[in-house]
Amino acid sequence: MTPVDVRVALTDDADPAVPLPAYATAGAAGADLRANLPAELRAVGLTLQPGDRVLVPTGLRIALPAGFEAQIRPRSGLALKHGLTLPNSPGTIDEDYRGPLGVIVQNGGSAPYTIAHADRIAQMVIAPVVRARIALSDRFDDTPRGAGGFGSTGGY
C-alpha cells in the first residue's frame, strides 16, 4: 500500500498538545480524529444529552491531494457502549475544502455523555474518488433483480 500525503494545519484556537490524526494499529483503515475543544470547555468537556447533536471541533484544517476525499465515520466502540454516532455518516471532506474540520456527533443513547478534550471522536478514511459521467437514458439493461426495492433480495 502506497501512502498518500495529507497535510493538516491547526486552527487559530486549537490546542497544539492534542495529537494529530493517527492510525491505532498497523492494519487500521481509519485514522482517529480527536476533539480539540474551545479553551472554556477543555477542563469540563462537552456534554450531550440524549438526542443532542453538536459540531465537535478537531482544531484542524486539511489539504487533500487531487483525486481523494476524507470520509468521516463513527467509532464503533462509542456507538455500541454509549450510542454516539455521526448522523451524516460517512461525512465527506472534498479535496478542495480548506476550512476547519468539525465532526457532527449525536447522542443516540439513553444517558448524557461528555466528550473530553482530546477524546477520540471519529475516524477518518482517505479514499480515492471516481467521477461519473452522468447522462440521461431511456433504456437500461435487464438484471435478475430488476426494479426490486427494499427487501427484494430476501433480507434487510
Protein backbone atom coordinates (compact mmCIF):
# COMPACT_ATOMS: atom_id res chain seq x y z
CA MET A 1 0.00 0.00 0.00
CA THR A 2 1.42 3.38 -1.02
CA PRO A 3 0.73 6.17 1.47
CA VAL A 4 -0.93 9.39 0.30
CA ASP A 5 0.33 12.72 1.60
CA VAL A 6 -2.35 14.58 3.57
CA ARG A 7 -1.40 17.93 5.05
CA VAL A 8 -3.07 19.40 8.14
CA ALA A 9 -2.80 22.76 9.86
CA LEU A 10 -4.01 23.85 13.26
CA THR A 11 -6.84 26.36 13.53
CA ASP A 12 -6.07 29.59 15.39
CA ASP A 13 -7.82 28.45 18.59
CA ALA A 14 -6.53 24.85 18.60
CA ASP A 15 -4.62 23.28 21.46
CA PRO A 16 -1.35 22.12 19.85
CA ALA A 17 -0.95 19.42 22.53
CA VAL A 18 -3.84 17.38 21.05
CA PRO A 19 -2.37 14.59 18.91
CA LEU A 20 -2.79 14.72 15.15
CA PRO A 21 -4.95 12.07 13.44
CA ALA A 22 -3.24 8.71 13.76
CA TYR A 23 -3.83 5.06 12.94
CA ALA A 24 -4.23 2.99 16.14
CA THR A 25 -2.87 -0.21 14.57
CA ALA A 26 -0.85 -1.21 11.52
CA GLY A 27 -3.99 -2.60 9.85
CA ALA A 28 -6.37 0.25 10.69
CA ALA A 29 -8.22 1.78 7.73
CA GLY A 30 -9.19 4.93 9.62
CA ALA A 31 -7.08 7.46 11.49
CA ASP A 32 -8.57 8.57 14.80
CA LEU A 33 -9.79 12.17 14.99
CA ARG A 34 -9.78 13.89 18.37
CA ALA A 35 -11.89 16.59 19.94
CA ASN A 36 -10.00 19.87 20.24
CA LEU A 37 -12.40 21.83 22.40
CA PRO A 38 -12.50 25.60 22.88
CA ALA A 39 -10.44 26.85 25.83
CA GLU A 40 -13.52 27.38 28.04
CA LEU A 41 -14.59 23.71 27.64
CA ARG A 42 -11.22 21.97 27.91
CA ALA A 43 -11.45 21.35 31.66
CA VAL A 44 -15.15 20.36 31.79
CA GLY A 45 -15.76 18.76 28.39
CA LEU A 46 -18.79 18.95 26.14
CA THR A 47 -21.89 17.14 27.45
CA LEU A 48 -24.52 15.82 25.05
CA GLN A 49 -27.92 14.94 26.44
CA PRO A 50 -29.79 12.04 24.80
CA GLY A 51 -30.87 13.15 21.33
CA ASP A 52 -28.48 16.13 21.23
CA ARG A 53 -26.16 16.68 18.31
CA VAL A 54 -23.26 19.09 18.14
CA LEU A 55 -20.40 20.06 15.86
CA VAL A 56 -17.23 19.00 17.67
CA PRO A 57 -14.12 20.89 16.57
CA THR A 58 -10.93 18.98 15.78
CA GLY A 59 -8.70 22.04 15.70
CA LEU A 60 -7.59 21.06 12.21
CA ARG A 61 -7.80 22.20 8.63
CA ILE A 62 -6.94 19.65 5.97
CA ALA A 63 -5.47 19.67 2.46
CA LEU A 64 -6.15 16.52 0.47
CA PRO A 65 -4.38 15.58 -2.74
CA ALA A 66 -6.30 15.82 -6.01
CA GLY A 67 -8.50 12.80 -6.62
CA PHE A 68 -9.06 11.96 -2.94
CA GLU A 69 -11.67 12.56 -0.24
CA ALA A 70 -11.69 12.09 3.51
CA GLN A 71 -14.60 10.03 4.83
CA ILE A 72 -15.53 10.75 8.45
CA ARG A 73 -17.02 7.72 10.18
CA PRO A 74 -18.22 6.79 13.67
CA ARG A 75 -16.08 4.86 16.13
CA SER A 76 -17.75 1.51 16.78
CA GLY A 77 -16.91 1.43 20.49
CA LEU A 78 -18.59 4.79 21.13
CA ALA A 79 -21.63 3.68 19.14
CA LEU A 80 -22.00 0.36 20.97
CA LYS A 81 -21.18 1.48 24.50
CA HIS A 82 -22.71 4.98 24.54
CA GLY A 83 -24.95 5.38 21.48
CA LEU A 84 -22.75 8.09 19.97
CA THR A 85 -22.95 8.28 16.21
CA LEU A 86 -22.37 10.65 13.30
CA PRO A 87 -25.77 11.41 11.76
CA ASN A 88 -24.36 12.22 8.31
CA SER A 89 -22.08 9.21 8.24
CA PRO A 90 -19.98 8.92 6.32
CA GLY A 91 -19.29 12.62 6.15
CA THR A 92 -17.28 13.68 3.12
CA ILE A 93 -14.44 16.19 3.10
CA ASP A 94 -13.84 17.23 -0.51
CA GLU A 95 -10.34 17.73 -1.89
CA ASP A 96 -10.93 21.48 -2.34
CA TYR A 97 -12.22 22.23 1.20
CA ARG A 98 -9.77 24.17 3.36
CA GLY A 99 -11.92 25.28 6.31
CA PRO A 100 -11.99 23.95 9.86
CA LEU A 101 -12.69 20.23 10.21
CA GLY A 102 -15.60 19.57 12.56
CA VAL A 103 -17.41 16.33 13.34
CA ILE A 104 -21.19 16.22 13.81
CA VAL A 105 -21.76 13.94 16.81
CA GLN A 106 -25.17 12.80 18.04
CA ASN A 107 -26.03 11.11 21.32
CA GLY A 108 -28.43 8.32 20.38
CA GLY A 109 -28.03 6.73 23.81
CA SER A 110 -30.26 6.97 26.87
CA ALA A 111 -27.81 8.80 29.15
CA PRO A 112 -25.84 12.05 28.91
CA TYR A 113 -22.34 11.65 27.52
CA THR A 114 -19.40 14.01 28.00
CA ILE A 115 -16.76 14.36 25.30
CA ALA A 116 -13.48 15.26 26.98
CA HIS A 117 -10.83 17.43 25.41
CA ALA A 118 -8.59 15.26 23.16
CA ASP A 119 -11.01 12.28 23.18
CA ARG A 120 -11.06 10.17 20.02
CA ILE A 121 -14.45 11.01 18.48
CA ALA A 122 -14.41 9.66 14.92
CA GLN A 123 -12.21 8.07 12.33
CA MET A 124 -11.05 9.46 9.01
CA VAL A 125 -10.61 7.23 5.96
CA ILE A 126 -8.77 8.66 2.95
CA ALA A 127 -10.25 7.26 -0.26
CA PRO A 128 -9.86 7.78 -4.00
CA VAL A 129 -12.72 9.47 -5.82
CA VAL A 130 -14.14 8.27 -9.12
CA ARG A 131 -16.01 10.98 -11.04
CA ALA A 132 -19.03 9.79 -13.00
CA ARG A 133 -20.25 11.00 -16.36
CA ILE A 134 -24.00 11.30 -15.80
CA ALA A 135 -26.21 11.01 -18.85
CA LEU A 136 -29.96 10.78 -19.29
CA SER A 137 -31.12 7.44 -20.71
CA ASP A 138 -34.48 5.91 -21.57
CA ARG A 139 -33.21 2.33 -21.57
CA PHE A 140 -31.46 0.12 -19.01
CA ASP A 141 -30.14 -3.43 -19.29
CA ASP A 142 -32.31 -6.09 -17.63
CA THR A 143 -30.97 -7.69 -14.45
CA PRO A 144 -32.26 -10.55 -12.29
CA ARG A 145 -33.22 -8.06 -9.55
CA GLY A 146 -34.84 -5.56 -11.90
CA ALA A 147 -36.70 -2.81 -10.07
CA GLY A 148 -36.99 -4.78 -6.81
CA GLY A 149 -36.63 -2.42 -3.87
CA PHE A 150 -36.11 -2.77 -0.13
CA GLY A 151 -36.12 -6.38 0.95
CA SER A 152 -36.26 -7.73 -2.62
CA THR A 153 -33.06 -9.75 -2.12
CA GLY A 154 -34.56 -11.67 0.82
CA GLY A 155 -33.34 -9.69 3.80
CA TYR A 156 -32.91 -6.31 5.34
